[in-house]
Amino acid sequence: MSESPYEPSIRVFLLIENRLLREALSRLLRKRPEFQVVGVCGPDEMSIRDLDAANCDVLAIDFFDPDYLASPASPAPKEIPELKTVLIGMDADSDRFLEAVRAGVNSYLLKDASAAEVIAALRATYRGESICPPKLCASLFRWFVQASAQFPGGQLGVRSSLTLRQRQLVDLMGQGLTNKEIAAKLNLSEFTVRNHVHRILKQVDVGSRREAVDVIRAQMSFVS
C-alpha cells in the first residue's frame, strides 16, 4: 500500500459567522485527506470548552474582534502548541490588518480569496508560515519603518506591539489582580484574559506575570 503524501491530519476548527461560507468550507476541507475538521459553528454557538476540547491546530475565523479570540493561545496549564489563527473574508483595510497582526493573527485573507488560496493558507499557517495580501504586506513594512524612526535604539518592541487591551491588562496585573478579577473588571471571559496574559509573557520572553509587568513598565518609561 502506498503511503499518503501528506503529514498527519491538520486539525481545523471553523468558527465562521457566515453560514454559507461555514458550510462551504466544511465540505471543501472534508474532501481533503490532510485536513480534519474538528469543529464547525458560529460565534454565538461556541463555548470556550468546545474550542479547548477540540485541540485543533488551526482556527479559521471570518470576523475579527481583538477581545473575542483574536488569536487564542492554548490555555495554561496545558503544554500544547499555541493555536494558529487564519482570518478569512476580510476587507483590505490596512488599519484593521495591522491591528490583527499586533493581536497575533497568523494569516489574513481578503473576501475575494479563492478556495485554493484558503486551502494554501491553512496549510502554510499550520507549517508556521504567515499569509497576507501583498498590498497589505506593504503597509506592514511602512508601519515598521515609521515605528523604527519614532522609537530608535530597538525600543519599539513592547510599546508598539501591545494592543490597548493588553496595556490595560498589564496595569491590572501590576495591581496584583487575578485573571478572574481582571475578567470581571474588563467584562471579558477568564479564557480571553488567560490568552492575553499568555501572549504578553511570550512577547516579552519572561516566565512570570511580575517579570512581564516590570519589563514592560521599564521599557515604556524609557521611551515615554
N, C-alpha and C. Protein backbone atom coordinates (compact mmCIF):
# COMPACT_ATOMS: atom_id res chain seq x y z
N MET A 1 0.85 -1.19 0.00
CA MET A 1 0.00 0.00 0.00
C MET A 1 0.89 1.25 0.00
N SER A 2 0.62 2.18 -0.89
CA SER A 2 1.43 3.40 -0.97
C SER A 2 1.08 4.33 0.18
N GLU A 3 2.10 5.07 0.65
CA GLU A 3 1.87 5.98 1.76
C GLU A 3 1.23 7.27 1.28
N SER A 4 0.46 7.90 2.15
CA SER A 4 -0.16 9.18 1.83
C SER A 4 0.93 10.23 1.68
N PRO A 5 0.80 11.15 0.69
CA PRO A 5 1.81 12.19 0.51
C PRO A 5 1.72 13.27 1.57
N TYR A 6 0.74 13.20 2.47
CA TYR A 6 0.53 14.25 3.45
C TYR A 6 0.98 13.81 4.84
N GLU A 7 1.28 14.84 5.65
CA GLU A 7 1.58 14.62 7.05
C GLU A 7 0.28 14.25 7.77
N PRO A 8 0.36 13.88 9.05
CA PRO A 8 -0.87 13.61 9.80
C PRO A 8 -1.85 14.77 9.69
N SER A 9 -3.12 14.49 9.81
CA SER A 9 -4.18 15.46 9.57
C SER A 9 -3.97 16.80 10.28
N ILE A 10 -4.27 17.86 9.56
CA ILE A 10 -4.28 19.20 10.12
C ILE A 10 -5.66 19.41 10.72
N ARG A 11 -5.70 19.57 12.02
CA ARG A 11 -6.98 19.68 12.71
C ARG A 11 -7.45 21.14 12.66
N VAL A 12 -8.59 21.36 11.99
CA VAL A 12 -9.10 22.72 11.76
C VAL A 12 -10.43 22.92 12.46
N PHE A 13 -10.57 24.04 13.15
CA PHE A 13 -11.84 24.44 13.75
C PHE A 13 -12.36 25.63 12.96
N LEU A 14 -13.58 25.54 12.44
CA LEU A 14 -14.19 26.61 11.65
C LEU A 14 -15.13 27.42 12.54
N LEU A 15 -14.67 28.58 12.96
CA LEU A 15 -15.50 29.48 13.75
C LEU A 15 -15.96 30.59 12.79
N ILE A 16 -16.99 30.29 12.03
CA ILE A 16 -17.40 31.12 10.89
C ILE A 16 -18.80 31.68 11.12
N GLU A 17 -18.89 33.00 11.07
CA GLU A 17 -20.17 33.66 11.30
C GLU A 17 -21.12 33.50 10.12
N ASN A 18 -20.58 33.59 8.89
CA ASN A 18 -21.39 33.45 7.67
C ASN A 18 -21.72 31.97 7.45
N ARG A 19 -23.00 31.65 7.52
CA ARG A 19 -23.40 30.23 7.45
C ARG A 19 -23.04 29.58 6.12
N LEU A 20 -23.25 30.30 4.99
CA LEU A 20 -22.93 29.72 3.68
C LEU A 20 -21.43 29.43 3.58
N LEU A 21 -20.63 30.38 4.03
CA LEU A 21 -19.18 30.18 4.00
C LEU A 21 -18.78 29.03 4.90
N ARG A 22 -19.39 28.96 6.08
CA ARG A 22 -19.10 27.89 7.03
C ARG A 22 -19.36 26.52 6.42
N GLU A 23 -20.53 26.36 5.79
CA GLU A 23 -20.89 25.08 5.20
C GLU A 23 -20.00 24.74 4.00
N ALA A 24 -19.70 25.75 3.19
CA ALA A 24 -18.86 25.52 2.00
C ALA A 24 -17.44 25.10 2.41
N LEU A 25 -16.87 25.79 3.40
CA LEU A 25 -15.53 25.43 3.86
C LEU A 25 -15.50 24.05 4.49
N SER A 26 -16.53 23.72 5.23
CA SER A 26 -16.60 22.40 5.85
C SER A 26 -16.59 21.31 4.79
N ARG A 27 -17.42 21.47 3.76
CA ARG A 27 -17.46 20.47 2.67
C ARG A 27 -16.12 20.40 1.95
N LEU A 28 -15.53 21.56 1.70
CA LEU A 28 -14.26 21.62 0.98
C LEU A 28 -13.15 20.90 1.74
N LEU A 29 -13.05 21.16 3.04
CA LEU A 29 -11.97 20.58 3.83
C LEU A 29 -12.15 19.09 4.06
N ARG A 30 -13.40 18.65 4.18
CA ARG A 30 -13.64 17.22 4.42
C ARG A 30 -13.27 16.37 3.21
N LYS A 31 -13.13 16.99 2.06
CA LYS A 31 -12.73 16.27 0.85
C LYS A 31 -11.22 16.15 0.73
N ARG A 32 -10.50 16.86 1.61
CA ARG A 32 -9.03 16.87 1.55
C ARG A 32 -8.46 15.95 2.62
N PRO A 33 -7.67 14.96 2.24
CA PRO A 33 -7.19 13.97 3.21
C PRO A 33 -6.27 14.53 4.29
N GLU A 34 -5.63 15.68 4.02
CA GLU A 34 -4.71 16.20 5.02
C GLU A 34 -5.41 17.03 6.09
N PHE A 35 -6.71 17.29 5.91
CA PHE A 35 -7.45 18.08 6.89
C PHE A 35 -8.43 17.23 7.69
N GLN A 36 -8.58 17.61 8.94
CA GLN A 36 -9.61 17.01 9.78
C GLN A 36 -10.39 18.15 10.43
N VAL A 37 -11.66 18.27 10.09
CA VAL A 37 -12.50 19.32 10.66
C VAL A 37 -12.98 18.86 12.04
N VAL A 38 -12.51 19.53 13.07
CA VAL A 38 -12.82 19.10 14.44
C VAL A 38 -13.89 19.96 15.10
N GLY A 39 -14.36 20.97 14.38
CA GLY A 39 -15.42 21.82 14.93
C GLY A 39 -15.93 22.77 13.88
N VAL A 40 -17.25 22.97 13.83
CA VAL A 40 -17.87 23.88 12.88
C VAL A 40 -19.02 24.60 13.58
N CYS A 41 -18.92 25.92 13.71
CA CYS A 41 -20.01 26.66 14.34
C CYS A 41 -19.83 28.15 14.12
N GLY A 42 -20.86 28.90 14.50
CA GLY A 42 -20.79 30.34 14.51
C GLY A 42 -20.37 30.83 15.88
N PRO A 43 -20.00 32.10 16.01
CA PRO A 43 -19.51 32.60 17.30
C PRO A 43 -20.53 32.53 18.42
N ASP A 44 -21.81 32.61 18.10
CA ASP A 44 -22.84 32.56 19.15
C ASP A 44 -23.13 31.13 19.62
N GLU A 45 -22.65 30.16 18.84
CA GLU A 45 -22.94 28.76 19.16
C GLU A 45 -21.82 28.08 19.94
N MET A 46 -20.65 28.71 19.97
CA MET A 46 -19.48 28.04 20.53
C MET A 46 -19.25 28.41 21.99
N SER A 47 -18.91 27.42 22.77
CA SER A 47 -18.45 27.68 24.13
C SER A 47 -16.94 27.52 24.14
N ILE A 48 -16.29 28.14 25.10
CA ILE A 48 -14.84 28.04 25.20
C ILE A 48 -14.41 26.59 25.37
N ARG A 49 -15.22 25.82 26.07
CA ARG A 49 -14.88 24.41 26.27
C ARG A 49 -14.85 23.64 24.96
N ASP A 50 -15.75 24.02 24.03
CA ASP A 50 -15.77 23.34 22.73
C ASP A 50 -14.44 23.50 22.01
N LEU A 51 -13.94 24.73 21.98
CA LEU A 51 -12.69 25.01 21.30
C LEU A 51 -11.52 24.34 22.00
N ASP A 52 -11.52 24.41 23.31
CA ASP A 52 -10.45 23.80 24.09
C ASP A 52 -10.42 22.28 23.88
N ALA A 53 -11.61 21.66 23.92
CA ALA A 53 -11.69 20.20 23.79
C ALA A 53 -11.32 19.73 22.39
N ALA A 54 -11.54 20.57 21.39
CA ALA A 54 -11.24 20.18 20.01
C ALA A 54 -9.74 20.01 19.77
N ASN A 55 -8.92 20.72 20.57
CA ASN A 55 -7.47 20.60 20.45
C ASN A 55 -7.03 20.75 19.00
N CYS A 56 -7.49 21.82 18.36
CA CYS A 56 -7.20 21.99 16.93
C CYS A 56 -5.83 22.64 16.72
N ASP A 57 -5.35 22.52 15.48
CA ASP A 57 -4.07 23.12 15.09
C ASP A 57 -4.27 24.52 14.53
N VAL A 58 -5.35 24.69 13.77
CA VAL A 58 -5.61 25.97 13.10
C VAL A 58 -7.06 26.36 13.32
N LEU A 59 -7.27 27.61 13.70
CA LEU A 59 -8.62 28.15 13.85
C LEU A 59 -8.89 29.11 12.71
N ALA A 60 -9.94 28.86 11.93
CA ALA A 60 -10.33 29.73 10.82
C ALA A 60 -11.51 30.58 11.27
N ILE A 61 -11.41 31.90 11.13
CA ILE A 61 -12.44 32.83 11.57
C ILE A 61 -12.75 33.81 10.44
N ASP A 62 -14.02 34.20 10.31
CA ASP A 62 -14.37 35.18 9.28
C ASP A 62 -14.77 36.52 9.88
N PHE A 63 -14.31 36.80 11.11
CA PHE A 63 -14.53 38.10 11.73
C PHE A 63 -13.34 38.38 12.63
N PHE A 64 -13.16 39.64 13.00
CA PHE A 64 -12.04 39.95 13.89
C PHE A 64 -12.50 40.91 14.97
N ASP A 65 -12.35 40.48 16.20
CA ASP A 65 -12.62 41.31 17.37
C ASP A 65 -11.47 41.04 18.34
N PRO A 66 -10.65 42.05 18.63
CA PRO A 66 -9.49 41.82 19.50
C PRO A 66 -9.83 41.19 20.83
N ASP A 67 -11.07 41.39 21.30
CA ASP A 67 -11.46 40.85 22.60
C ASP A 67 -12.19 39.51 22.49
N TYR A 68 -12.33 39.00 21.27
CA TYR A 68 -13.04 37.73 21.11
C TYR A 68 -12.16 36.77 20.29
N LEU A 69 -11.28 36.08 20.98
CA LEU A 69 -10.44 35.07 20.33
C LEU A 69 -9.68 35.61 19.14
N ALA A 70 -9.13 36.82 19.28
CA ALA A 70 -8.38 37.38 18.16
C ALA A 70 -7.26 36.46 17.74
N SER A 71 -6.55 35.97 18.71
CA SER A 71 -5.52 34.97 18.43
C SER A 71 -5.41 34.07 19.63
N PRO A 72 -6.35 33.18 19.83
CA PRO A 72 -6.39 32.40 21.06
C PRO A 72 -5.20 31.46 21.20
N ALA A 73 -4.60 31.48 22.37
CA ALA A 73 -3.50 30.56 22.65
C ALA A 73 -4.03 29.42 23.50
N SER A 74 -3.39 28.29 23.42
CA SER A 74 -3.81 27.16 24.24
C SER A 74 -3.71 27.53 25.70
N PRO A 75 -4.80 27.45 26.44
CA PRO A 75 -4.79 27.94 27.82
C PRO A 75 -3.89 27.11 28.72
N ALA A 76 -3.17 27.79 29.60
CA ALA A 76 -2.37 27.09 30.59
C ALA A 76 -3.32 26.32 31.51
N PRO A 77 -2.92 25.22 32.12
CA PRO A 77 -1.55 24.72 32.14
C PRO A 77 -1.25 23.68 31.08
N LYS A 78 -2.06 23.54 30.04
CA LYS A 78 -1.80 22.51 29.03
C LYS A 78 -0.53 22.83 28.26
N GLU A 79 0.35 21.85 28.14
CA GLU A 79 1.60 22.05 27.42
C GLU A 79 1.43 21.58 25.98
N ILE A 80 0.62 22.35 25.22
CA ILE A 80 0.40 22.06 23.81
C ILE A 80 0.73 23.30 23.02
N PRO A 81 1.07 23.16 21.73
CA PRO A 81 1.48 24.32 20.95
C PRO A 81 0.39 25.38 20.87
N GLU A 82 0.82 26.62 20.66
CA GLU A 82 -0.13 27.72 20.52
C GLU A 82 -0.98 27.52 19.28
N LEU A 83 -2.24 27.82 19.42
CA LEU A 83 -3.17 27.69 18.31
C LEU A 83 -2.91 28.77 17.28
N LYS A 84 -2.88 28.39 16.01
CA LYS A 84 -2.65 29.34 14.92
C LYS A 84 -3.99 29.79 14.37
N THR A 85 -4.07 31.05 13.95
CA THR A 85 -5.34 31.63 13.53
C THR A 85 -5.26 32.20 12.12
N VAL A 86 -6.29 31.90 11.32
CA VAL A 86 -6.39 32.42 9.96
C VAL A 86 -7.69 33.23 9.86
N LEU A 87 -7.56 34.50 9.51
CA LEU A 87 -8.74 35.32 9.27
C LEU A 87 -9.13 35.21 7.80
N ILE A 88 -10.40 34.93 7.55
CA ILE A 88 -10.90 34.70 6.19
C ILE A 88 -12.02 35.70 5.89
N GLY A 89 -12.06 36.18 4.64
CA GLY A 89 -13.15 37.07 4.23
C GLY A 89 -13.01 38.47 4.76
N MET A 90 -11.78 38.96 4.92
CA MET A 90 -11.54 40.28 5.48
C MET A 90 -11.55 41.38 4.41
N ASP A 91 -11.72 42.62 4.85
CA ASP A 91 -11.63 43.78 3.97
C ASP A 91 -10.17 44.18 3.82
N ALA A 92 -9.86 44.88 2.75
CA ALA A 92 -8.49 45.36 2.51
C ALA A 92 -8.27 46.66 3.28
N ASP A 93 -8.40 46.59 4.58
CA ASP A 93 -8.27 47.74 5.47
C ASP A 93 -6.93 47.62 6.20
N SER A 94 -6.00 48.52 5.88
CA SER A 94 -4.65 48.39 6.44
C SER A 94 -4.64 48.56 7.96
N ASP A 95 -5.51 49.43 8.49
CA ASP A 95 -5.55 49.62 9.94
C ASP A 95 -6.03 48.35 10.64
N ARG A 96 -7.08 47.74 10.10
CA ARG A 96 -7.58 46.50 10.69
C ARG A 96 -6.55 45.38 10.55
N PHE A 97 -5.88 45.33 9.41
CA PHE A 97 -4.84 44.33 9.19
C PHE A 97 -3.73 44.46 10.22
N LEU A 98 -3.25 45.69 10.43
CA LEU A 98 -2.17 45.90 11.39
C LEU A 98 -2.62 45.58 12.82
N GLU A 99 -3.88 45.88 13.12
CA GLU A 99 -4.43 45.54 14.43
C GLU A 99 -4.44 44.03 14.61
N ALA A 100 -4.80 43.30 13.55
CA ALA A 100 -4.81 41.84 13.61
C ALA A 100 -3.40 41.29 13.79
N VAL A 101 -2.44 41.87 13.10
CA VAL A 101 -1.04 41.44 13.24
C VAL A 101 -0.57 41.65 14.67
N ARG A 102 -0.88 42.82 15.23
CA ARG A 102 -0.46 43.11 16.62
C ARG A 102 -1.13 42.15 17.60
N ALA A 103 -2.35 41.72 17.26
CA ALA A 103 -3.07 40.80 18.14
C ALA A 103 -2.54 39.38 18.03
N GLY A 104 -1.69 39.11 17.02
CA GLY A 104 -1.09 37.79 16.90
C GLY A 104 -1.71 36.88 15.88
N VAL A 105 -2.62 37.41 15.04
CA VAL A 105 -3.21 36.57 13.99
C VAL A 105 -2.11 36.13 13.03
N ASN A 106 -2.16 34.90 12.59
CA ASN A 106 -1.09 34.34 11.76
C ASN A 106 -1.24 34.63 10.27
N SER A 107 -2.47 34.55 9.75
CA SER A 107 -2.69 34.79 8.32
C SER A 107 -3.98 35.59 8.13
N TYR A 108 -4.03 36.35 7.02
CA TYR A 108 -5.11 37.30 6.78
C TYR A 108 -5.50 37.23 5.32
N LEU A 109 -6.72 36.76 5.04
CA LEU A 109 -7.19 36.60 3.67
C LEU A 109 -8.36 37.53 3.39
N LEU A 110 -8.40 38.09 2.18
CA LEU A 110 -9.46 39.01 1.80
C LEU A 110 -10.71 38.28 1.32
N LYS A 111 -11.77 39.03 1.13
CA LYS A 111 -13.05 38.46 0.72
C LYS A 111 -12.98 37.79 -0.65
N ASP A 112 -12.08 38.27 -1.50
CA ASP A 112 -12.01 37.70 -2.86
C ASP A 112 -11.05 36.52 -2.96
N ALA A 113 -10.57 36.01 -1.83
CA ALA A 113 -9.66 34.86 -1.86
C ALA A 113 -10.39 33.64 -2.42
N SER A 114 -9.71 32.88 -3.24
CA SER A 114 -10.30 31.68 -3.84
C SER A 114 -10.23 30.51 -2.87
N ALA A 115 -10.95 29.44 -3.18
CA ALA A 115 -10.91 28.24 -2.35
C ALA A 115 -9.48 27.70 -2.28
N ALA A 116 -8.78 27.73 -3.40
CA ALA A 116 -7.41 27.24 -3.43
C ALA A 116 -6.51 28.08 -2.53
N GLU A 117 -6.75 29.39 -2.49
CA GLU A 117 -5.94 30.26 -1.65
C GLU A 117 -6.22 30.01 -0.17
N VAL A 118 -7.46 29.72 0.17
CA VAL A 118 -7.80 29.41 1.56
C VAL A 118 -7.11 28.11 1.98
N ILE A 119 -7.18 27.10 1.14
CA ILE A 119 -6.53 25.82 1.43
C ILE A 119 -5.03 26.02 1.61
N ALA A 120 -4.43 26.77 0.70
CA ALA A 120 -2.99 27.01 0.77
C ALA A 120 -2.62 27.77 2.05
N ALA A 121 -3.47 28.72 2.46
CA ALA A 121 -3.19 29.50 3.66
C ALA A 121 -3.28 28.63 4.92
N LEU A 122 -4.26 27.73 4.95
CA LEU A 122 -4.39 26.83 6.11
C LEU A 122 -3.17 25.93 6.22
N ARG A 123 -2.74 25.39 5.09
CA ARG A 123 -1.54 24.54 5.10
C ARG A 123 -0.31 25.32 5.56
N ALA A 124 -0.12 26.51 4.98
CA ALA A 124 1.06 27.31 5.30
C ALA A 124 1.05 27.74 6.76
N THR A 125 -0.11 28.14 7.25
CA THR A 125 -0.21 28.57 8.64
C THR A 125 0.10 27.42 9.59
N TYR A 126 -0.37 26.24 9.25
CA TYR A 126 -0.07 25.05 10.06
C TYR A 126 1.44 24.81 10.13
N ARG A 127 2.14 25.10 9.04
CA ARG A 127 3.60 24.91 8.99
C ARG A 127 4.36 26.03 9.70
N GLY A 128 3.64 27.01 10.21
CA GLY A 128 4.31 28.10 10.91
C GLY A 128 4.57 29.32 10.06
N GLU A 129 4.02 29.35 8.84
CA GLU A 129 4.20 30.49 7.95
C GLU A 129 3.04 31.47 8.14
N SER A 130 3.16 32.66 7.54
CA SER A 130 2.10 33.65 7.59
C SER A 130 1.76 34.10 6.17
N ILE A 131 0.46 34.26 5.91
CA ILE A 131 -0.01 34.63 4.59
C ILE A 131 -0.83 35.92 4.69
N CYS A 132 -0.56 36.86 3.77
CA CYS A 132 -1.37 38.07 3.70
C CYS A 132 -1.28 38.63 2.29
N PRO A 133 -2.25 39.45 1.87
CA PRO A 133 -2.22 40.05 0.54
C PRO A 133 -1.00 40.96 0.38
N PRO A 134 -0.37 40.96 -0.78
CA PRO A 134 0.83 41.80 -1.00
C PRO A 134 0.61 43.27 -0.67
N LYS A 135 -0.55 43.83 -1.02
CA LYS A 135 -0.75 45.27 -0.77
C LYS A 135 -0.84 45.57 0.72
N LEU A 136 -1.30 44.62 1.50
CA LEU A 136 -1.33 44.82 2.95
C LEU A 136 0.03 44.53 3.56
N CYS A 137 0.76 43.64 2.97
CA CYS A 137 2.12 43.36 3.43
C CYS A 137 2.97 44.63 3.31
N ALA A 138 2.73 45.39 2.24
CA ALA A 138 3.45 46.65 2.05
C ALA A 138 3.15 47.62 3.18
N SER A 139 1.91 47.64 3.66
CA SER A 139 1.56 48.54 4.77
C SER A 139 2.28 48.12 6.05
N LEU A 140 2.53 46.83 6.20
CA LEU A 140 3.26 46.34 7.36
C LEU A 140 4.70 46.84 7.33
N PHE A 141 5.32 46.82 6.16
CA PHE A 141 6.68 47.34 6.02
C PHE A 141 6.72 48.84 6.33
N ARG A 142 5.73 49.57 5.82
CA ARG A 142 5.69 51.02 6.07
C ARG A 142 5.54 51.31 7.56
N TRP A 143 4.65 50.54 8.22
CA TRP A 143 4.45 50.74 9.65
C TRP A 143 5.74 50.49 10.41
N PHE A 144 6.46 49.43 10.04
CA PHE A 144 7.68 49.10 10.76
C PHE A 144 8.72 50.21 10.59
N VAL A 145 8.85 50.75 9.39
CA VAL A 145 9.81 51.83 9.13
C VAL A 145 9.44 53.05 9.97
N GLN A 146 8.15 53.40 9.99
CA GLN A 146 7.71 54.56 10.76
C GLN A 146 7.93 54.35 12.26
N ALA A 147 7.61 53.13 12.74
CA ALA A 147 7.77 52.83 14.16
C ALA A 147 9.24 52.84 14.55
N SER A 148 10.10 52.34 13.67
CA SER A 148 11.54 52.33 13.94
C SER A 148 12.09 53.74 14.05
N ALA A 149 11.56 54.65 13.21
CA ALA A 149 12.01 56.04 13.25
C ALA A 149 11.52 56.74 14.51
N GLN A 150 10.33 56.37 14.95
CA GLN A 150 9.75 57.00 16.14
C GLN A 150 10.39 56.51 17.42
N PHE A 151 10.74 55.19 17.43
CA PHE A 151 11.34 54.60 18.63
C PHE A 151 12.68 53.96 18.27
N PRO A 152 13.73 54.76 18.10
CA PRO A 152 15.03 54.22 17.72
C PRO A 152 15.67 53.43 18.85
N GLY A 153 16.75 52.73 18.51
CA GLY A 153 17.51 52.03 19.54
C GLY A 153 16.92 50.72 19.96
N GLY A 154 16.02 50.13 19.13
CA GLY A 154 15.47 48.82 19.42
C GLY A 154 14.42 48.81 20.51
N GLN A 155 13.83 49.98 20.83
CA GLN A 155 12.88 50.04 21.93
C GLN A 155 11.43 50.02 21.47
N LEU A 156 11.16 49.77 20.19
CA LEU A 156 9.78 49.80 19.72
C LEU A 156 9.02 48.54 20.08
N GLY A 157 9.74 47.44 20.40
CA GLY A 157 9.12 46.13 20.55
C GLY A 157 7.89 46.07 21.43
N VAL A 158 8.08 46.28 22.73
CA VAL A 158 6.98 46.11 23.66
C VAL A 158 5.92 47.18 23.48
N ARG A 159 6.33 48.43 23.41
CA ARG A 159 5.38 49.54 23.37
C ARG A 159 4.46 49.44 22.15
N SER A 160 5.02 49.17 20.98
CA SER A 160 4.21 49.20 19.76
C SER A 160 3.46 47.90 19.51
N SER A 161 3.92 46.80 20.11
CA SER A 161 3.29 45.52 19.83
C SER A 161 2.11 45.23 20.74
N LEU A 162 2.04 45.90 21.87
CA LEU A 162 0.93 45.67 22.78
C LEU A 162 -0.32 46.40 22.29
N THR A 163 -1.44 45.71 22.32
CA THR A 163 -2.71 46.35 21.99
C THR A 163 -3.18 47.17 23.19
N LEU A 164 -4.18 48.02 22.97
CA LEU A 164 -4.73 48.81 24.06
C LEU A 164 -5.24 47.90 25.17
N ARG A 165 -5.92 46.82 24.78
CA ARG A 165 -6.44 45.89 25.77
C ARG A 165 -5.32 45.26 26.58
N GLN A 166 -4.21 44.90 25.91
CA GLN A 166 -3.10 44.29 26.61
C GLN A 166 -2.46 45.27 27.59
N ARG A 167 -2.41 46.54 27.21
CA ARG A 167 -1.88 47.55 28.14
C ARG A 167 -2.76 47.66 29.38
N GLN A 168 -4.06 47.57 29.16
CA GLN A 168 -4.98 47.59 30.30
C GLN A 168 -4.71 46.39 31.21
N LEU A 169 -4.48 45.23 30.60
CA LEU A 169 -4.19 44.03 31.38
C LEU A 169 -2.91 44.18 32.17
N VAL A 170 -1.89 44.77 31.55
CA VAL A 170 -0.61 44.95 32.24
C VAL A 170 -0.81 45.82 33.48
N ASP A 171 -1.60 46.89 33.36
CA ASP A 171 -1.86 47.75 34.51
C ASP A 171 -2.55 46.97 35.63
N LEU A 172 -3.53 46.15 35.27
CA LEU A 172 -4.26 45.39 36.28
C LEU A 172 -3.40 44.27 36.86
N MET A 173 -2.55 43.66 36.01
CA MET A 173 -1.62 42.66 36.52
C MET A 173 -0.67 43.29 37.53
N GLY A 174 -0.26 44.53 37.24
CA GLY A 174 0.64 45.24 38.14
C GLY A 174 0.00 45.53 39.49
N GLN A 175 -1.33 45.58 39.52
CA GLN A 175 -2.05 45.79 40.78
C GLN A 175 -2.24 44.49 41.55
N GLY A 176 -1.78 43.37 40.95
CA GLY A 176 -1.87 42.09 41.62
C GLY A 176 -3.19 41.37 41.45
N LEU A 177 -4.01 41.81 40.50
CA LEU A 177 -5.30 41.17 40.29
C LEU A 177 -5.15 39.81 39.63
N THR A 178 -6.03 38.88 39.95
CA THR A 178 -6.04 37.56 39.34
C THR A 178 -6.74 37.63 37.99
N ASN A 179 -6.63 36.56 37.20
CA ASN A 179 -7.33 36.51 35.91
C ASN A 179 -8.83 36.71 36.09
N LYS A 180 -9.39 36.11 37.12
CA LYS A 180 -10.82 36.22 37.37
C LYS A 180 -11.21 37.66 37.68
N GLU A 181 -10.39 38.33 38.48
CA GLU A 181 -10.68 39.72 38.83
C GLU A 181 -10.52 40.64 37.63
N ILE A 182 -9.50 40.37 36.81
CA ILE A 182 -9.29 41.17 35.60
C ILE A 182 -10.46 40.98 34.64
N ALA A 183 -10.90 39.74 34.50
CA ALA A 183 -12.03 39.44 33.60
C ALA A 183 -13.27 40.21 34.03
N ALA A 184 -13.51 40.27 35.32
CA ALA A 184 -14.69 40.98 35.84
C ALA A 184 -14.58 42.48 35.58
N LYS A 185 -13.39 43.05 35.76
CA LYS A 185 -13.21 44.49 35.56
C LYS A 185 -13.36 44.88 34.09
N LEU A 186 -12.87 44.03 33.17
CA LEU A 186 -12.88 44.37 31.75
C LEU A 186 -14.05 43.73 31.00
N ASN A 187 -14.91 43.03 31.75
CA ASN A 187 -16.08 42.38 31.14
C ASN A 187 -15.66 41.39 30.05
N LEU A 188 -14.65 40.57 30.37
CA LEU A 188 -14.15 39.55 29.46
C LEU A 188 -14.30 38.19 30.12
N SER A 189 -14.13 37.14 29.34
CA SER A 189 -14.10 35.80 29.93
C SER A 189 -12.71 35.54 30.49
N GLU A 190 -12.63 34.64 31.47
CA GLU A 190 -11.32 34.27 32.01
C GLU A 190 -10.44 33.66 30.93
N PHE A 191 -11.07 32.94 30.00
CA PHE A 191 -10.32 32.32 28.89
C PHE A 191 -9.61 33.39 28.07
N THR A 192 -10.33 34.46 27.74
CA THR A 192 -9.74 35.53 26.94
C THR A 192 -8.61 36.22 27.70
N VAL A 193 -8.82 36.46 28.99
CA VAL A 193 -7.77 37.07 29.80
C VAL A 193 -6.54 36.18 29.86
N ARG A 194 -6.76 34.88 30.04
CA ARG A 194 -5.66 33.93 30.10
C ARG A 194 -4.86 33.95 28.80
N ASN A 195 -5.57 34.04 27.67
CA ASN A 195 -4.90 34.10 26.38
C ASN A 195 -4.05 35.35 26.25
N HIS A 196 -4.61 36.49 26.67
CA HIS A 196 -3.87 37.75 26.61
C HIS A 196 -2.61 37.67 27.46
N VAL A 197 -2.75 37.15 28.67
CA VAL A 197 -1.60 37.04 29.57
C VAL A 197 -0.53 36.14 28.97
N HIS A 198 -0.98 35.00 28.41
CA HIS A 198 -0.05 34.07 27.76
C HIS A 198 0.74 34.78 26.66
N ARG A 199 0.03 35.56 25.86
CA ARG A 199 0.68 36.24 24.73
C ARG A 199 1.62 37.34 25.22
N ILE A 200 1.23 38.06 26.25
CA ILE A 200 2.08 39.11 26.80
C ILE A 200 3.39 38.53 27.31
N LEU A 201 3.31 37.41 28.05
CA LEU A 201 4.52 36.77 28.56
C LEU A 201 5.42 36.31 27.42
N LYS A 202 4.80 35.83 26.36
CA LYS A 202 5.57 35.37 25.20
C LYS A 202 6.24 36.54 24.50
N GLN A 203 5.53 37.67 24.37
CA GLN A 203 6.07 38.83 23.67
C GLN A 203 7.30 39.39 24.36
N VAL A 204 7.31 39.39 25.69
CA VAL A 204 8.45 39.95 26.41
C VAL A 204 9.43 38.87 26.85
N ASP A 205 9.11 37.61 26.52
CA ASP A 205 10.01 36.48 26.77
C ASP A 205 10.39 36.35 28.24
N VAL A 206 9.36 36.30 29.10
CA VAL A 206 9.59 36.10 30.53
C VAL A 206 8.69 34.96 31.01
N GLY A 207 8.94 34.52 32.22
CA GLY A 207 8.20 33.36 32.71
C GLY A 207 7.13 33.66 33.74
N SER A 208 7.01 34.93 34.16
CA SER A 208 6.01 35.24 35.18
C SER A 208 5.34 36.57 34.90
N ARG A 209 4.17 36.75 35.48
CA ARG A 209 3.41 37.99 35.31
C ARG A 209 4.18 39.18 35.89
N ARG A 210 4.80 38.97 37.07
CA ARG A 210 5.54 40.06 37.71
C ARG A 210 6.69 40.53 36.83
N GLU A 211 7.42 39.57 36.24
CA GLU A 211 8.52 39.94 35.35
C GLU A 211 8.00 40.71 34.15
N ALA A 212 6.88 40.27 33.59
CA ALA A 212 6.31 40.94 32.42
C ALA A 212 5.96 42.38 32.74
N VAL A 213 5.32 42.60 33.87
CA VAL A 213 4.94 43.95 34.28
C VAL A 213 6.19 44.83 34.44
N ASP A 214 7.21 44.30 35.09
CA ASP A 214 8.43 45.08 35.33
C ASP A 214 9.12 45.44 34.01
N VAL A 215 9.24 44.47 33.10
CA VAL A 215 9.92 44.72 31.83
C VAL A 215 9.15 45.74 30.99
N ILE A 216 7.83 45.57 30.90
CA ILE A 216 7.02 46.46 30.07
C ILE A 216 7.01 47.88 30.63
N ARG A 217 6.85 48.00 31.93
CA ARG A 217 6.86 49.33 32.54
C ARG A 217 8.20 50.02 32.34
N ALA A 218 9.29 49.27 32.47
CA ALA A 218 10.62 49.84 32.31
C ALA A 218 10.84 50.34 30.89
N GLN A 219 10.46 49.54 29.90
CA GLN A 219 10.67 49.94 28.52
C GLN A 219 9.74 51.08 28.11
N MET A 220 8.49 51.04 28.56
CA MET A 220 7.56 52.10 28.21
C MET A 220 7.96 53.41 28.87
N SER A 221 8.53 53.33 30.07
CA SER A 221 9.02 54.53 30.74
C SER A 221 10.22 55.12 30.01
N PHE A 222 11.04 54.21 29.46
CA PHE A 222 12.26 54.64 28.77
C PHE A 222 11.94 55.44 27.53
N VAL A 223 10.86 55.02 26.78
CA VAL A 223 10.58 55.68 25.51
C VAL A 223 9.50 56.75 25.64
N SER A 224 8.97 56.98 26.84
CA SER A 224 7.93 57.99 27.01
C SER A 224 8.50 59.39 26.85
